[in-house]
Amino acid sequence: MMKIVLIGHLDIAGQSSILWKGLRDYTEHDARFIKIERTYLDYEEDIYYSSMMKEAHNVMDQADIFCISEGIPVLEGYNLTEKLSETPFIQELHGTYVGLNWQMLLARWFKNESVYVTHLSTANVREKIGFSIYIPRSVDFRDFPQPKRNTEKIRVAHCPTNRTIKSTALFLEIMGEIEKEYPYVETVLVEKKSLKNCLKIKATCDLVFDHLGKVEQGYGLNSIEAMVFGIPSLCKVGNYTYIHHPDCPIVNISHDNLKDEIIRLIEDDDLRKSIGKQGVKYVKKVHDIKNNVKKWEALFNYVINRKK
């Protein structure tokens, strides 16, 4: 049994908390999760550092391995850098952090000081940091309410954490045009909501627009959550995604065809249902924490054993 300590500064996309629950509930390992900062998304937490320092210090002292989301934090009252110099650790990286810090990450990789885990959202920059291990982002199906569709409206949801990155302005402009042509279509913009409230709203929708990001950027958590509900998701999907997942059922869009693709889907109930069913099947195979936790468990064993 391993003593695994997860540390997440902002817990990007809830991945640290989901992995903690997966390790806790589906393996025999002793997993703990230390959260440094809370956000409006209100992801689940185990140890909140600022109010539970004594317990956090004790847990870190006994750790066999760490998994740190993004950068190594400076902790009040604890020298984490020193601890990591003698304890194996993994860094779970996301796109923006890699884009800003790739030179430092590459230097650390050359020195064999860290093992990196990346997701498809990091595809456009991951080659800059040397070798990284790909594990898909995970969701916990237990977090999701039952879908409750509105039979009178076709609701198109968009849940941006950053309007610029997610192309929100273009989406709203296009939806304004579509609502004039199709009075039964409704735009649902979800911002600054907790995960629980966001999922409640998304459960009532029929389509989800994710983003129009960079060419090789992968789809985000919005698409993954939509597929859990059996909702078609529209997103700009790069070729890197299809290398790993050629059966990805997300509707691939561009700036030029976004409006046409939304209209195609709102006009065809059977198409929405068909893509939705494909999404449920896909997300269970690729993104369910019950499956992905086995990959993480194997990685923790690999990293620990390579240090011996």
C-alpha atoms as a PDB file:
ATOM      1  CA  MET A   1       0.000   0.000   0.000  1.00  0.00           C
ATOM      2  CA  MET A   2       1.332   3.404  -0.996  1.00  0.00           C
ATOM      3  CA  LYS A   3       0.871   6.644   0.910  1.00  0.00           C
ATOM      4  CA  ILE A   4       0.041   9.066  -1.890  1.00  0.00           C
ATOM      5  CA  VAL A   5      -0.223  12.809  -1.316  1.00  0.00           C
ATOM      6  CA  LEU A   6      -1.889  15.012  -3.930  1.00  0.00           C
ATOM      7  CA  ILE A   7      -1.288  18.765  -3.803  1.00  0.00           C
ATOM      8  CA  GLY A   8      -3.393  21.131  -5.868  1.00  0.00           C
ATOM      9  CA  HIS A   9      -3.009  24.891  -5.743  1.00  0.00           C
ATOM     10  CA  LEU A  10      -6.229  25.698  -7.621  1.00  0.00           C
ATOM     11  CA  ASP A  11      -7.196  22.073  -8.422  1.00  0.00           C
ATOM     12  CA  ILE A  12      -7.405  22.717 -12.176  1.00  0.00           C
ATOM     13  CA  ALA A  13     -10.534  21.097 -13.674  1.00  0.00           C
ATOM     14  CA  GLY A  14     -11.030  19.306 -10.352  1.00  0.00           C
ATOM     15  CA  GLN A  15      -8.474  16.688 -11.376  1.00  0.00           C
ATOM     16  CA  SER A  16      -6.716  16.434  -8.011  1.00  0.00           C
ATOM     17  CA  SER A  17      -9.945  15.981  -6.069  1.00  0.00           C
ATOM     18  CA  ILE A  18     -11.307  13.446  -8.565  1.00  0.00           C
ATOM     19  CA  LEU A  19      -8.068  11.441  -8.462  1.00  0.00           C
ATOM     20  CA  TRP A  20      -8.102  11.561  -4.657  1.00  0.00           C
ATOM     21  CA  LYS A  21     -11.641  10.128  -4.565  1.00  0.00           C
ATOM     22  CA  GLY A  22     -10.716   7.487  -7.124  1.00  0.00           C
ATOM     23  CA  LEU A  23      -7.653   6.340  -5.186  1.00  0.00           C
ATOM     24  CA  ARG A  24      -9.629   6.428  -1.941  1.00  0.00           C
ATOM     25  CA  ASP A  25     -12.653   4.486  -3.197  1.00  0.00           C
ATOM     26  CA  TYR A  26     -11.272   2.147  -5.885  1.00  0.00           C
ATOM     27  CA  THR A  27      -7.812   1.175  -4.578  1.00  0.00           C
ATOM     28  CA  GLU A  28      -6.301   0.059  -1.285  1.00  0.00           C
ATOM     29  CA  HIS A  29      -3.825   2.946  -1.137  1.00  0.00           C
ATOM     30  CA  ASP A  30      -3.807   5.677   1.491  1.00  0.00           C
ATOM     31  CA  ALA A  31      -4.446   8.819  -0.563  1.00  0.00           C
ATOM     32  CA  ARG A  32      -4.752  12.361   0.801  1.00  0.00           C
ATOM     33  CA  PHE A  33      -5.409  15.624  -1.014  1.00  0.00           C
ATOM     34  CA  ILE A  34      -4.059  18.979   0.167  1.00  0.00           C
ATOM     35  CA  LYS A  35      -5.780  22.007  -1.370  1.00  0.00           C
ATOM     36  CA  ILE A  36      -3.936  25.322  -1.212  1.00  0.00           C
ATOM     37  CA  GLU A  37      -6.570  27.757  -2.491  1.00  0.00           C
ATOM     38  CA  ARG A  38     -10.353  27.606  -2.814  1.00  0.00           C
ATOM     39  CA  THR A  39     -12.285  28.888  -5.835  1.00  0.00           C
ATOM     40  CA  TYR A  40     -15.931  29.468  -6.744  1.00  0.00           C
ATOM     41  CA  LEU A  41     -15.951  26.057  -8.458  1.00  0.00           C
ATOM     42  CA  ASP A  42     -16.009  24.520  -4.965  1.00  0.00           C
ATOM     43  CA  TYR A  43     -14.391  21.211  -5.840  1.00  0.00           C
ATOM     44  CA  GLU A  44     -14.309  18.629  -3.071  1.00  0.00           C
ATOM     45  CA  GLU A  45     -11.414  18.822  -0.645  1.00  0.00           C
ATOM     46  CA  ASP A  46      -9.729  16.664   1.957  1.00  0.00           C
ATOM     47  CA  ILE A  47      -7.212  18.928   3.719  1.00  0.00           C
ATOM     48  CA  TYR A  48      -7.408  22.711   3.314  1.00  0.00           C
ATOM     49  CA  TYR A  49      -3.856  23.810   4.002  1.00  0.00           C
ATOM     50  CA  SER A  50      -4.338  27.191   5.687  1.00  0.00           C
ATOM     51  CA  SER A  51      -6.656  25.797   8.379  1.00  0.00           C
ATOM     52  CA  MET A  52      -5.224  22.263   8.688  1.00  0.00           C
ATOM     53  CA  MET A  53      -1.455  22.817   8.571  1.00  0.00           C
ATOM     54  CA  LYS A  54      -0.555  20.374  11.334  1.00  0.00           C
ATOM     55  CA  GLU A  55      -2.399  17.503   9.659  1.00  0.00           C
ATOM     56  CA  ALA A  56      -0.994  18.501   6.254  1.00  0.00           C
ATOM     57  CA  HIS A  57       2.577  18.496   7.577  1.00  0.00           C
ATOM     58  CA  ASN A  58       2.097  15.078   9.142  1.00  0.00           C
ATOM     59  CA  VAL A  59       0.650  13.657   5.928  1.00  0.00           C
ATOM     60  CA  MET A  60       3.507  15.060   3.819  1.00  0.00           C
ATOM     61  CA  ASP A  61       6.137  13.750   6.242  1.00  0.00           C
ATOM     62  CA  GLN A  62       4.823  10.206   5.755  1.00  0.00           C
ATOM     63  CA  ALA A  63       4.305  10.336   1.972  1.00  0.00           C
ATOM     64  CA  ASP A  64       5.740   7.643  -0.294  1.00  0.00           C
ATOM     65  CA  ILE A  65       5.027   9.727  -3.390  1.00  0.00           C
ATOM     66  CA  PHE A  66       3.550  13.104  -4.317  1.00  0.00           C
ATOM     67  CA  CYS A  67       1.416  14.199  -7.237  1.00  0.00           C
ATOM     68  CA  ILE A  68       1.497  17.972  -7.637  1.00  0.00           C
ATOM     69  CA  SER A  69      -0.873  19.858  -9.895  1.00  0.00           C
ATOM     70  CA  GLU A  70       1.186  22.306 -11.966  1.00  0.00           C
ATOM     71  CA  GLY A  71       3.899  24.236 -10.089  1.00  0.00           C
ATOM     72  CA  ILE A  72       5.521  23.283  -6.788  1.00  0.00           C
ATOM     73  CA  PRO A  73       3.945  25.608  -4.203  1.00  0.00           C
ATOM     74  CA  VAL A  74       5.723  27.515  -1.457  1.00  0.00           C
ATOM     75  CA  LEU A  75       4.025  26.414   1.755  1.00  0.00           C
ATOM     76  CA  GLU A  76       3.967  28.351   4.990  1.00  0.00           C
ATOM     77  CA  GLY A  77       5.844  26.429   7.664  1.00  0.00           C
ATOM     78  CA  TYR A  78       6.956  23.540   5.460  1.00  0.00           C
ATOM     79  CA  ASN A  79       9.905  23.063   3.094  1.00  0.00           C
ATOM     80  CA  LEU A  80       8.232  21.119   0.319  1.00  0.00           C
ATOM     81  CA  THR A  81      11.189  21.512  -2.062  1.00  0.00           C
ATOM     82  CA  GLU A  82      13.464  19.761   0.421  1.00  0.00           C
ATOM     83  CA  LYS A  83      10.924  16.990   0.937  1.00  0.00           C
ATOM     84  CA  LEU A  84      10.653  16.443  -2.813  1.00  0.00           C
ATOM     85  CA  SER A  85      14.430  16.141  -3.109  1.00  0.00           C
ATOM     86  CA  GLU A  86      14.176  12.835  -1.223  1.00  0.00           C
ATOM     87  CA  THR A  87      10.673  11.658  -2.211  1.00  0.00           C
ATOM     88  CA  PRO A  88       9.448  10.641  -5.692  1.00  0.00           C
ATOM     89  CA  PHE A  89       6.936  12.999  -7.245  1.00  0.00           C
ATOM     90  CA  ILE A  90       4.854  13.552 -10.353  1.00  0.00           C
ATOM     91  CA  GLN A  91       3.686  16.866 -11.796  1.00  0.00           C
ATOM     92  CA  GLU A  92       0.285  17.000 -13.466  1.00  0.00           C
ATOM     93  CA  LEU A  93       0.423  19.795 -16.035  1.00  0.00           C
ATOM     94  CA  HIS A  94      -2.174  21.858 -17.886  1.00  0.00           C
ATOM     95  CA  GLY A  95      -1.849  24.007 -20.996  1.00  0.00           C
ATOM     96  CA  THR A  96      -1.432  27.566 -19.715  1.00  0.00           C
ATOM     97  CA  TYR A  97       1.145  26.628 -17.064  1.00  0.00           C
ATOM     98  CA  VAL A  98       3.206  24.647 -19.584  1.00  0.00           C
ATOM     99  CA  GLY A  99       3.076  27.497 -22.088  1.00  0.00           C
ATOM    100  CA  LEU A 100       4.493  29.918 -19.514  1.00  0.00           C
ATOM    101  CA  ASN A 101       7.053  27.620 -17.884  1.00  0.00           C
ATOM    102  CA  TRP A 102       8.173  25.163 -20.569  1.00  0.00           C
ATOM    103  CA  GLN A 103      11.884  26.072 -20.386  1.00  0.00           C
ATOM    104  CA  MET A 104      12.060  25.389 -16.655  1.00  0.00           C
ATOM    105  CA  LEU A 105      10.079  22.165 -17.092  1.00  0.00           C
ATOM    106  CA  LEU A 106      12.319  21.000 -19.928  1.00  0.00           C
ATOM    107  CA  ALA A 107      15.451  21.644 -17.836  1.00  0.00           C
ATOM    108  CA  ARG A 108      14.000  19.656 -14.934  1.00  0.00           C
ATOM    109  CA  TRP A 109      13.092  16.789 -17.258  1.00  0.00           C
ATOM    110  CA  PHE A 110      16.641  16.666 -18.674  1.00  0.00           C
ATOM    111  CA  LYS A 111      17.953  16.374 -15.114  1.00  0.00           C
ATOM    112  CA  ASN A 112      15.526  13.506 -14.487  1.00  0.00           C
ATOM    113  CA  GLU A 113      14.064  15.413 -11.550  1.00  0.00           C
ATOM    114  CA  SER A 114      10.388  14.962 -12.342  1.00  0.00           C
ATOM    115  CA  VAL A 115       7.828  12.891 -14.225  1.00  0.00           C
ATOM    116  CA  TYR A 116       5.150  14.826 -16.104  1.00  0.00           C
ATOM    117  CA  VAL A 117       1.555  13.861 -16.761  1.00  0.00           C
ATOM    118  CA  THR A 118      -0.321  15.868 -19.370  1.00  0.00           C
ATOM    119  CA  HIS A 119      -3.801  15.866 -20.879  1.00  0.00           C
ATOM    120  CA  LEU A 120      -5.051  16.523 -24.407  1.00  0.00           C
ATOM    121  CA  SER A 121      -5.610  20.168 -23.471  1.00  0.00           C
ATOM    122  CA  THR A 122      -1.819  20.500 -23.329  1.00  0.00           C
ATOM    123  CA  ALA A 123      -1.207  19.005 -26.782  1.00  0.00           C
ATOM    124  CA  ASN A 124      -0.209  22.279 -28.415  1.00  0.00           C
ATOM    125  CA  VAL A 125       2.744  22.790 -26.018  1.00  0.00           C
ATOM    126  CA  ARG A 126       3.603  19.401 -24.537  1.00  0.00           C
ATOM    127  CA  GLU A 127       6.406  18.694 -27.029  1.00  0.00           C
ATOM    128  CA  LYS A 128       8.344  21.608 -25.517  1.00  0.00           C
ATOM    129  CA  ILE A 129       8.855  19.889 -22.147  1.00  0.00           C
ATOM    130  CA  GLY A 130      10.412  16.613 -23.223  1.00  0.00           C
ATOM    131  CA  PHE A 131       8.626  13.330 -22.599  1.00  0.00           C
ATOM    132  CA  SER A 132       5.308  13.361 -20.780  1.00  0.00           C
ATOM    133  CA  ILE A 133       2.871  10.591 -19.943  1.00  0.00           C
ATOM    134  CA  TYR A 134      -0.648  11.017 -21.280  1.00  0.00           C
ATOM    135  CA  ILE A 135      -3.534  10.156 -18.984  1.00  0.00           C
ATOM    136  CA  PRO A 136      -6.965  11.498 -19.975  1.00  0.00           C
ATOM    137  CA  ARG A 137      -8.756  13.924 -17.713  1.00  0.00           C
ATOM    138  CA  SER A 138     -11.193  12.118 -15.473  1.00  0.00           C
ATOM    139  CA  VAL A 139     -14.728  12.585 -14.225  1.00  0.00           C
ATOM    140  CA  ASP A 140     -16.574  10.857 -11.420  1.00  0.00           C
ATOM    141  CA  PHE A 141     -19.972   9.736 -12.674  1.00  0.00           C
ATOM    142  CA  ARG A 142     -21.283   9.892  -9.104  1.00  0.00           C
ATOM    143  CA  ASP A 143     -21.083  13.702  -9.254  1.00  0.00           C
ATOM    144  CA  PHE A 144     -23.642  14.002 -12.061  1.00  0.00           C
ATOM    145  CA  PRO A 145     -27.412  14.489 -11.639  1.00  0.00           C
ATOM    146  CA  GLN A 146     -29.897  12.868 -13.991  1.00  0.00           C
ATOM    147  CA  PRO A 147     -30.513  14.793 -17.237  1.00  0.00           C
ATOM    148  CA  LYS A 148     -33.698  16.904 -17.207  1.00  0.00           C
ATOM    149  CA  ARG A 149     -34.305  18.181 -20.721  1.00  0.00           C
ATOM    150  CA  ASN A 150     -36.598  21.131 -21.418  1.00  0.00           C
ATOM    151  CA  THR A 151     -39.111  19.871 -23.994  1.00  0.00           C
ATOM    152  CA  GLU A 152     -40.153  23.352 -25.150  1.00  0.00           C
ATOM    153  CA  LYS A 153     -36.701  24.804 -25.830  1.00  0.00           C
ATOM    154  CA  ILE A 154     -33.472  23.593 -27.360  1.00  0.00           C
ATOM    155  CA  ARG A 155     -30.924  24.916 -24.895  1.00  0.00           C
ATOM    156  CA  VAL A 156     -27.340  25.542 -26.039  1.00  0.00           C
ATOM    157  CA  ALA A 157     -24.936  25.863 -23.107  1.00  0.00           C
ATOM    158  CA  HIS A 158     -21.526  27.494 -22.814  1.00  0.00           C
ATOM    159  CA  CYS A 159     -19.564  27.444 -19.548  1.00  0.00           C
ATOM    160  CA  PRO A 160     -16.413  29.578 -19.943  1.00  0.00           C
ATOM    161  CA  THR A 161     -13.799  30.018 -17.244  1.00  0.00           C
ATOM    162  CA  ASN A 162     -12.028  32.488 -19.547  1.00  0.00           C
ATOM    163  CA  ARG A 163     -14.096  34.267 -22.208  1.00  0.00           C
ATOM    164  CA  THR A 164     -11.124  35.097 -24.427  1.00  0.00           C
ATOM    165  CA  ILE A 165      -9.670  31.590 -24.516  1.00  0.00           C
ATOM    166  CA  LYS A 166     -13.111  30.034 -25.007  1.00  0.00           C
ATOM    167  CA  SER A 167     -14.202  32.365 -27.870  1.00  0.00           C
ATOM    168  CA  THR A 168     -17.278  33.398 -25.918  1.00  0.00           C
ATOM    169  CA  ALA A 169     -17.881  36.660 -27.812  1.00  0.00           C
ATOM    170  CA  LEU A 170     -18.130  34.873 -31.163  1.00  0.00           C
ATOM    171  CA  PHE A 171     -20.417  32.220 -29.712  1.00  0.00           C
ATOM    172  CA  LEU A 172     -22.796  34.805 -28.246  1.00  0.00           C
ATOM    173  CA  GLU A 173     -22.856  36.742 -31.524  1.00  0.00           C
ATOM    174  CA  ILE A 174     -23.737  33.599 -33.478  1.00  0.00           C
ATOM    175  CA  MET A 175     -26.342  32.494 -30.945  1.00  0.00           C
ATOM    176  CA  GLY A 176     -27.966  35.928 -31.143  1.00  0.00           C
ATOM    177  CA  GLU A 177     -28.403  35.409 -34.887  1.00  0.00           C
ATOM    178  CA  ILE A 178     -29.693  31.849 -34.450  1.00  0.00           C
ATOM    179  CA  GLU A 179     -32.245  32.828 -31.783  1.00  0.00           C
ATOM    180  CA  LYS A 180     -33.785  35.323 -34.229  1.00  0.00           C
ATOM    181  CA  GLU A 181     -34.205  32.571 -36.844  1.00  0.00           C
ATOM    182  CA  TYR A 182     -35.206  29.827 -34.383  1.00  0.00           C
ATOM    183  CA  PRO A 183     -37.377  31.195 -31.526  1.00  0.00           C
ATOM    184  CA  TYR A 184     -37.350  27.803 -29.766  1.00  0.00           C
ATOM    185  CA  VAL A 185     -33.561  27.959 -29.260  1.00  0.00           C
ATOM    186  CA  GLU A 186     -32.161  29.397 -26.017  1.00  0.00           C
ATOM    187  CA  THR A 187     -28.594  30.374 -25.116  1.00  0.00           C
ATOM    188  CA  VAL A 188     -27.481  29.277 -21.647  1.00  0.00           C
ATOM    189  CA  LEU A 189     -24.339  31.056 -20.441  1.00  0.00           C
ATOM    190  CA  VAL A 190     -22.976  29.569 -17.222  1.00  0.00           C
ATOM    191  CA  GLU A 191     -20.300  31.557 -15.388  1.00  0.00           C
ATOM    192  CA  LYS A 192     -18.956  31.808 -11.835  1.00  0.00           C
ATOM    193  CA  LYS A 193     -20.960  28.795 -10.674  1.00  0.00           C
ATOM    194  CA  SER A 194     -19.859  25.937  -8.445  1.00  0.00           C
ATOM    195  CA  LEU A 195     -19.352  22.571 -10.142  1.00  0.00           C
ATOM    196  CA  LYS A 196     -22.547  21.266  -8.528  1.00  0.00           C
ATOM    197  CA  ASN A 197     -24.664  24.154  -9.805  1.00  0.00           C
ATOM    198  CA  CYS A 198     -22.996  24.096 -13.223  1.00  0.00           C
ATOM    199  CA  LEU A 199     -23.866  20.412 -13.659  1.00  0.00           C
ATOM    200  CA  LYS A 200     -27.465  21.027 -12.596  1.00  0.00           C
ATOM    201  CA  ILE A 201     -27.832  23.632 -15.336  1.00  0.00           C
ATOM    202  CA  LYS A 202     -25.984  21.593 -17.954  1.00  0.00           C
ATOM    203  CA  ALA A 203     -28.281  18.623 -17.233  1.00  0.00           C
ATOM    204  CA  THR A 204     -31.178  20.658 -18.658  1.00  0.00           C
ATOM    205  CA  CYS A 205     -29.453  21.457 -21.973  1.00  0.00           C
ATOM    206  CA  ASP A 206     -29.368  19.900 -25.443  1.00  0.00           C
ATOM    207  CA  LEU A 207     -26.051  21.135 -26.876  1.00  0.00           C
ATOM    208  CA  VAL A 208     -22.787  22.393 -25.402  1.00  0.00           C
ATOM    209  CA  PHE A 209     -20.243  24.697 -27.029  1.00  0.00           C
ATOM    210  CA  ASP A 210     -16.779  24.132 -25.549  1.00  0.00           C
ATOM    211  CA  HIS A 211     -14.200  26.356 -27.291  1.00  0.00           C
ATOM    212  CA  LEU A 212     -12.460  27.409 -30.515  1.00  0.00           C
ATOM    213  CA  GLY A 213      -8.925  27.186 -29.197  1.00  0.00           C
ATOM    214  CA  LYS A 214      -5.556  26.641 -30.841  1.00  0.00           C
ATOM    215  CA  VAL A 215      -5.165  24.154 -33.668  1.00  0.00           C
ATOM    216  CA  GLU A 216      -3.733  21.299 -31.614  1.00  0.00           C
ATOM    217  CA  GLN A 217      -5.553  22.059 -28.396  1.00  0.00           C
ATOM    218  CA  GLY A 218      -7.735  19.237 -27.132  1.00  0.00           C
ATOM    219  CA  TYR A 219     -11.281  19.386 -25.876  1.00  0.00           C
ATOM    220  CA  GLY A 220     -11.937  20.516 -22.331  1.00  0.00           C
ATOM    221  CA  LEU A 221     -13.916  19.449 -19.299  1.00  0.00           C
ATOM    222  CA  ASN A 222     -17.037  21.085 -20.746  1.00  0.00           C
ATOM    223  CA  SER A 223     -17.090  18.508 -23.542  1.00  0.00           C
ATOM    224  CA  ILE A 224     -16.414  15.633 -21.154  1.00  0.00           C
ATOM    225  CA  GLU A 225     -19.255  16.673 -18.851  1.00  0.00           C
ATOM    226  CA  ALA A 226     -21.597  17.107 -21.821  1.00  0.00           C
ATOM    227  CA  MET A 227     -20.876  13.565 -22.987  1.00  0.00           C
ATOM    228  CA  VAL A 228     -21.698  12.168 -19.541  1.00  0.00           C
ATOM    229  CA  PHE A 229     -25.162  13.683 -19.939  1.00  0.00           C
ATOM    230  CA  GLY A 230     -25.510  12.361 -23.492  1.00  0.00           C
ATOM    231  CA  ILE A 231     -25.338  15.900 -24.891  1.00  0.00           C
ATOM    232  CA  PRO A 232     -23.462  16.593 -28.164  1.00  0.00           C
ATOM    233  CA  SER A 233     -20.514  18.925 -27.685  1.00  0.00           C
ATOM    234  CA  LEU A 234     -19.080  21.324 -30.270  1.00  0.00           C
ATOM    235  CA  CYS A 235     -15.362  22.013 -29.990  1.00  0.00           C
ATOM    236  CA  LYS A 236     -12.311  22.694 -32.142  1.00  0.00           C
ATOM    237  CA  VAL A 237     -10.498  19.362 -31.937  1.00  0.00           C
ATOM    238  CA  GLY A 238      -6.896  19.048 -33.130  1.00  0.00           C
ATOM    239  CA  ASN A 239      -5.298  16.093 -34.896  1.00  0.00           C
ATOM    240  CA  TYR A 240      -3.457  15.156 -31.711  1.00  0.00           C
ATOM    241  CA  THR A 241      -6.776  14.085 -30.202  1.00  0.00           C
ATOM    242  CA  TYR A 242      -7.500  11.692 -33.059  1.00  0.00           C
ATOM    243  CA  ILE A 243      -4.052  10.080 -32.731  1.00  0.00           C
ATOM    244  CA  HIS A 244      -5.102   8.865 -29.293  1.00  0.00           C
ATOM    245  CA  HIS A 245      -8.862   8.684 -29.801  1.00  0.00           C
ATOM    246  CA  PRO A 246      -9.930   8.241 -33.433  1.00  0.00           C
ATOM    247  CA  ASP A 247     -13.476   7.460 -32.244  1.00  0.00           C
ATOM    248  CA  CYS A 248     -13.893  10.798 -30.443  1.00  0.00           C
ATOM    249  CA  PRO A 249     -17.539  11.802 -31.156  1.00  0.00           C
ATOM    250  CA  ILE A 250     -17.206  15.523 -30.406  1.00  0.00           C
ATOM    251  CA  VAL A 251     -18.484  17.698 -33.258  1.00  0.00           C
ATOM    252  CA  ASN A 252     -15.311  19.287 -34.644  1.00  0.00           C
ATOM    253  CA  ILE A 253     -15.861  22.951 -35.490  1.00  0.00           C
ATOM    254  CA  SER A 254     -14.016  25.981 -36.821  1.00  0.00           C
ATOM    255  CA  HIS A 255     -14.673  29.716 -36.835  1.00  0.00           C
ATOM    256  CA  ASP A 256     -16.158  29.310 -40.306  1.00  0.00           C
ATOM    257  CA  ASN A 257     -18.649  26.508 -39.634  1.00  0.00           C
ATOM    258  CA  LEU A 258     -19.728  27.014 -36.011  1.00  0.00           C
ATOM    259  CA  LYS A 259     -23.093  28.544 -36.905  1.00  0.00           C
ATOM    260  CA  ASP A 260     -23.836  25.911 -39.554  1.00  0.00           C
ATOM    261  CA  GLU A 261     -23.003  23.061 -37.168  1.00  0.00           C
ATOM    262  CA  ILE A 262     -25.205  24.454 -34.396  1.00  0.00           C
ATOM    263  CA  ILE A 263     -28.095  24.826 -36.840  1.00  0.00           C
ATOM    264  CA  ARG A 264     -27.542  21.315 -38.209  1.00  0.00           C
ATOM    265  CA  LEU A 265     -27.844  19.909 -34.696  1.00  0.00           C
ATOM    266  CA  ILE A 266     -30.825  21.962 -33.539  1.00  0.00           C
ATOM    267  CA  GLU A 267     -32.755  20.932 -36.672  1.00  0.00           C
ATOM    268  CA  ASP A 268     -32.071  17.194 -36.301  1.00  0.00           C
ATOM    269  CA  ASP A 269     -33.336  15.561 -33.094  1.00  0.00           C
ATOM    270  CA  ASP A 270     -32.193  12.091 -34.169  1.00  0.00           C
ATOM    271  CA  LEU A 271     -28.665  13.328 -34.898  1.00  0.00           C
ATOM    272  CA  ARG A 272     -28.406  14.875 -31.430  1.00  0.00           C
ATOM    273  CA  LYS A 273     -29.554  11.618 -29.841  1.00  0.00           C
ATOM    274  CA  SER A 274     -27.145   9.541 -31.913  1.00  0.00           C
ATOM    275  CA  ILE A 275     -24.114  11.717 -31.107  1.00  0.00           C
ATOM    276  CA  GLY A 276     -25.211  11.827 -27.485  1.00  0.00           C
ATOM    277  CA  LYS A 277     -25.235   8.023 -27.224  1.00  0.00           C
ATOM    278  CA  GLN A 278     -21.802   7.830 -28.817  1.00  0.00           C
ATOM    279  CA  GLY A 279     -20.557  10.378 -26.278  1.00  0.00           C
ATOM    280  CA  VAL A 280     -21.785   8.385 -23.285  1.00  0.00           C
ATOM    281  CA  LYS A 281     -20.052   5.262 -24.574  1.00  0.00           C
ATOM    282  CA  TYR A 282     -16.842   7.178 -25.291  1.00  0.00           C
ATOM    283  CA  VAL A 283     -16.650   9.033 -21.984  1.00  0.00           C
ATOM    284  CA  LYS A 284     -17.153   5.839 -19.984  1.00  0.00           C
ATOM    285  CA  LYS A 285     -14.258   4.236 -21.839  1.00  0.00           C
ATOM    286  CA  VAL A 286     -11.856   7.193 -21.846  1.00  0.00           C
ATOM    287  CA  HIS A 287     -12.649   9.493 -18.924  1.00  0.00           C
ATOM    288  CA  ASP A 288     -14.254   7.481 -16.095  1.00  0.00           C
ATOM    289  CA  ILE A 289     -12.075   7.697 -12.977  1.00  0.00           C
ATOM    290  CA  LYS A 290     -12.932   4.061 -12.194  1.00  0.00           C
ATOM    291  CA  ASN A 291     -10.846   3.123 -15.243  1.00  0.00           C
ATOM    292  CA  ASN A 292      -8.246   5.883 -15.199  1.00  0.00           C
ATOM    293  CA  VAL A 293      -7.306   5.357 -11.565  1.00  0.00           C
ATOM    294  CA  LYS A 294      -5.677   2.078 -12.638  1.00  0.00           C
ATOM    295  CA  LYS A 295      -3.397   4.030 -14.969  1.00  0.00           C
ATOM    296  CA  TRP A 296      -2.462   6.405 -12.160  1.00  0.00           C
ATOM    297  CA  GLU A 297      -1.820   3.499  -9.796  1.00  0.00           C
ATOM    298  CA  ALA A 298       0.548   1.910 -12.321  1.00  0.00           C
ATOM    299  CA  LEU A 299       2.328   5.240 -12.792  1.00  0.00           C
ATOM    300  CA  PHE A 300       2.825   5.733  -9.046  1.00  0.00           C
ATOM    301  CA  ASN A 301       4.312   2.228  -8.801  1.00  0.00           C
ATOM    302  CA  TYR A 302       6.601   2.903 -11.775  1.00  0.00           C
ATOM    303  CA  VAL A 303       7.927   6.180 -10.357  1.00  0.00           C
ATOM    304  CA  ILE A 304       8.524   4.757  -6.894  1.00  0.00           C
ATOM    305  CA  ASN A 305      10.321   1.685  -8.223  1.00  0.00           C
ATOM    306  CA  ARG A 306      12.556   3.610 -10.621  1.00  0.00           C
ATOM    307  CA  LYS A 307      13.955   5.558  -7.656  1.00  0.00           C
ATOM    308  CA  LYS A 308      15.012   2.417  -5.796  1.00  0.00           C
END
